[in-house]
Amino acid sequence: MSTYVRRRSYYRHDSIAANIISAIGAIIAVIIVAHILFVLFGANPANTLVTFVRNWANVLALWFHDLFNTGNATLNLIVNYGLAIVFWLVVTGILARIVARRF
């Protein structure tokens, strides 16, 4: 018979605060991806959901929403908002690791 013994490691990967931070990063990424998809597929800009997502995506894109101008509106959208997604996932990932180590 083997007995399962949970060992406490130096880094707690099950930190609630770290999971919350990671979830926030994922939610931000989903909002920005939804905005990109709405624009690419030509969603009705007067729709309440599309307007809500667009407003939040513009706020969450920070300084990235007009960082590069490639001459192609679609490529601008993908590159600039894609950079914002990467930024938020990296920042929240780093913060989650720091919090997981501390708590």
C-alpha atoms as a PDB file:
ATOM      1  CA  MET A   1       0.000   0.000   0.000  1.00  0.00           C
ATOM      2  CA  SER A   2       1.282   3.366  -0.899  1.00  0.00           C
ATOM      3  CA  THR A   3       0.323   6.486   0.914  1.00  0.00           C
ATOM      4  CA  TYR A   4      -0.007   9.760  -0.892  1.00  0.00           C
ATOM      5  CA  VAL A   5       1.952  12.441   0.873  1.00  0.00           C
ATOM      6  CA  ARG A   6       1.720  15.955  -0.395  1.00  0.00           C
ATOM      7  CA  ARG A   7       5.044  17.637  -0.198  1.00  0.00           C
ATOM      8  CA  ARG A   8       5.186  21.335   0.274  1.00  0.00           C
ATOM      9  CA  SER A   9       7.507  22.730  -2.331  1.00  0.00           C
ATOM     10  CA  TYR A  10       9.373  25.993  -2.149  1.00  0.00           C
ATOM     11  CA  TYR A  11       6.972  27.489  -4.696  1.00  0.00           C
ATOM     12  CA  ARG A  12       3.275  27.075  -4.056  1.00  0.00           C
ATOM     13  CA  HIS A  13       1.627  26.596  -7.409  1.00  0.00           C
ATOM     14  CA  ASP A  14      -1.819  26.557  -5.896  1.00  0.00           C
ATOM     15  CA  SER A  15      -1.786  30.124  -4.579  1.00  0.00           C
ATOM     16  CA  ILE A  16      -5.266  31.590  -4.822  1.00  0.00           C
ATOM     17  CA  ALA A  17      -3.900  35.082  -5.418  1.00  0.00           C
ATOM     18  CA  ALA A  18      -1.663  33.839  -8.238  1.00  0.00           C
ATOM     19  CA  ASN A  19      -4.607  32.043  -9.831  1.00  0.00           C
ATOM     20  CA  ILE A  20      -6.699  35.216  -9.646  1.00  0.00           C
ATOM     21  CA  ILE A  21      -3.936  37.229 -11.311  1.00  0.00           C
ATOM     22  CA  SER A  22      -3.604  34.619 -14.051  1.00  0.00           C
ATOM     23  CA  ALA A  23      -7.368  34.638 -14.559  1.00  0.00           C
ATOM     24  CA  ILE A  24      -7.369  38.426 -14.907  1.00  0.00           C
ATOM     25  CA  GLY A  25      -4.690  38.159 -17.591  1.00  0.00           C
ATOM     26  CA  ALA A  26      -6.735  35.536 -19.416  1.00  0.00           C
ATOM     27  CA  ILE A  27      -9.892  37.668 -19.248  1.00  0.00           C
ATOM     28  CA  ILE A  28      -8.018  40.670 -20.646  1.00  0.00           C
ATOM     29  CA  ALA A  29      -6.662  38.509 -23.473  1.00  0.00           C
ATOM     30  CA  VAL A  30     -10.150  37.168 -24.256  1.00  0.00           C
ATOM     31  CA  ILE A  31     -11.580  40.696 -24.444  1.00  0.00           C
ATOM     32  CA  ILE A  32      -8.874  41.846 -26.846  1.00  0.00           C
ATOM     33  CA  VAL A  33      -9.141  38.684 -28.968  1.00  0.00           C
ATOM     34  CA  ALA A  34     -12.918  39.147 -29.127  1.00  0.00           C
ATOM     35  CA  HIS A  35     -12.398  42.702 -30.390  1.00  0.00           C
ATOM     36  CA  ILE A  36      -9.993  41.501 -33.070  1.00  0.00           C
ATOM     37  CA  LEU A  37     -12.445  38.811 -34.176  1.00  0.00           C
ATOM     38  CA  PHE A  38     -15.389  41.219 -34.207  1.00  0.00           C
ATOM     39  CA  VAL A  39     -13.472  43.607 -36.464  1.00  0.00           C
ATOM     40  CA  LEU A  40     -12.107  40.876 -38.740  1.00  0.00           C
ATOM     41  CA  PHE A  41     -15.501  39.265 -39.242  1.00  0.00           C
ATOM     42  CA  GLY A  42     -17.321  42.584 -39.656  1.00  0.00           C
ATOM     43  CA  ALA A  43     -19.560  42.484 -36.600  1.00  0.00           C
ATOM     44  CA  ASN A  44     -22.195  45.192 -36.354  1.00  0.00           C
ATOM     45  CA  PRO A  45     -20.433  48.145 -34.626  1.00  0.00           C
ATOM     46  CA  ALA A  46     -23.761  49.388 -33.238  1.00  0.00           C
ATOM     47  CA  ASN A  47     -24.342  46.139 -31.330  1.00  0.00           C
ATOM     48  CA  THR A  48     -24.168  46.568 -27.556  1.00  0.00           C
ATOM     49  CA  LEU A  49     -21.774  43.647 -27.004  1.00  0.00           C
ATOM     50  CA  VAL A  50     -19.475  44.748 -29.815  1.00  0.00           C
ATOM     51  CA  THR A  51     -19.427  48.311 -28.451  1.00  0.00           C
ATOM     52  CA  PHE A  52     -18.723  47.076 -24.924  1.00  0.00           C
ATOM     53  CA  VAL A  53     -15.863  44.849 -26.068  1.00  0.00           C
ATOM     54  CA  ARG A  54     -14.432  47.570 -28.337  1.00  0.00           C
ATOM     55  CA  ASN A  55     -14.409  50.142 -25.525  1.00  0.00           C
ATOM     56  CA  TRP A  56     -12.696  47.786 -23.098  1.00  0.00           C
ATOM     57  CA  ALA A  57     -10.229  46.552 -25.716  1.00  0.00           C
ATOM     58  CA  ASN A  58      -9.226  50.139 -26.493  1.00  0.00           C
ATOM     59  CA  VAL A  59      -8.642  50.827 -22.803  1.00  0.00           C
ATOM     60  CA  LEU A  60      -6.748  47.571 -22.247  1.00  0.00           C
ATOM     61  CA  ALA A  61      -4.586  47.999 -25.348  1.00  0.00           C
ATOM     62  CA  LEU A  62      -2.888  50.891 -23.524  1.00  0.00           C
ATOM     63  CA  TRP A  63      -0.343  52.481 -25.860  1.00  0.00           C
ATOM     64  CA  PHE A  64      -0.319  49.525 -28.262  1.00  0.00           C
ATOM     65  CA  HIS A  65      -3.471  50.297 -30.277  1.00  0.00           C
ATOM     66  CA  ASP A  66      -1.637  52.615 -32.689  1.00  0.00           C
ATOM     67  CA  LEU A  67       1.973  51.630 -32.122  1.00  0.00           C
ATOM     68  CA  PHE A  68       2.720  50.347 -35.625  1.00  0.00           C
ATOM     69  CA  ASN A  69       1.305  51.587 -38.907  1.00  0.00           C
ATOM     70  CA  THR A  70       1.791  49.030 -41.654  1.00  0.00           C
ATOM     71  CA  GLY A  71      -0.525  50.677 -44.178  1.00  0.00           C
ATOM     72  CA  ASN A  72      -3.018  47.832 -43.844  1.00  0.00           C
ATOM     73  CA  ALA A  73      -5.815  48.342 -41.306  1.00  0.00           C
ATOM     74  CA  THR A  74      -6.297  44.621 -40.708  1.00  0.00           C
ATOM     75  CA  LEU A  75      -2.603  43.999 -40.165  1.00  0.00           C
ATOM     76  CA  ASN A  76      -2.400  47.049 -37.875  1.00  0.00           C
ATOM     77  CA  LEU A  77      -5.214  45.627 -35.772  1.00  0.00           C
ATOM     78  CA  ILE A  78      -3.658  42.171 -35.512  1.00  0.00           C
ATOM     79  CA  VAL A  79      -0.131  43.389 -34.775  1.00  0.00           C
ATOM     80  CA  ASN A  80      -0.950  46.170 -32.326  1.00  0.00           C
ATOM     81  CA  TYR A  81      -3.668  44.415 -30.368  1.00  0.00           C
ATOM     82  CA  GLY A  82      -1.692  41.167 -30.559  1.00  0.00           C
ATOM     83  CA  LEU A  83       1.199  42.933 -28.838  1.00  0.00           C
ATOM     84  CA  ALA A  84      -1.205  44.106 -26.143  1.00  0.00           C
ATOM     85  CA  ILE A  85      -2.321  40.507 -25.601  1.00  0.00           C
ATOM     86  CA  VAL A  86       1.267  39.309 -25.283  1.00  0.00           C
ATOM     87  CA  PHE A  87       2.059  42.205 -22.915  1.00  0.00           C
ATOM     88  CA  TRP A  88      -0.834  41.413 -20.582  1.00  0.00           C
ATOM     89  CA  LEU A  89      -0.168  37.676 -20.549  1.00  0.00           C
ATOM     90  CA  VAL A  90       3.526  38.203 -19.793  1.00  0.00           C
ATOM     91  CA  VAL A  91       2.911  40.827 -17.096  1.00  0.00           C
ATOM     92  CA  THR A  92       0.193  38.872 -15.337  1.00  0.00           C
ATOM     93  CA  GLY A  93       2.255  35.681 -15.645  1.00  0.00           C
ATOM     94  CA  ILE A  94       5.246  37.346 -14.002  1.00  0.00           C
ATOM     95  CA  LEU A  95       3.070  38.840 -11.265  1.00  0.00           C
ATOM     96  CA  ALA A  96       1.424  35.475 -10.636  1.00  0.00           C
ATOM     97  CA  ARG A  97       4.809  33.790 -10.244  1.00  0.00           C
ATOM     98  CA  ILE A  98       5.997  36.491  -7.846  1.00  0.00           C
ATOM     99  CA  VAL A  99       2.841  36.173  -5.766  1.00  0.00           C
ATOM    100  CA  ALA A 100       3.049  32.361  -5.805  1.00  0.00           C
ATOM    101  CA  ARG A 101       6.594  32.509  -4.453  1.00  0.00           C
ATOM    102  CA  ARG A 102       5.708  34.981  -1.722  1.00  0.00           C
ATOM    103  CA  PHE A 103       2.536  33.378  -0.452  1.00  0.00           C
END
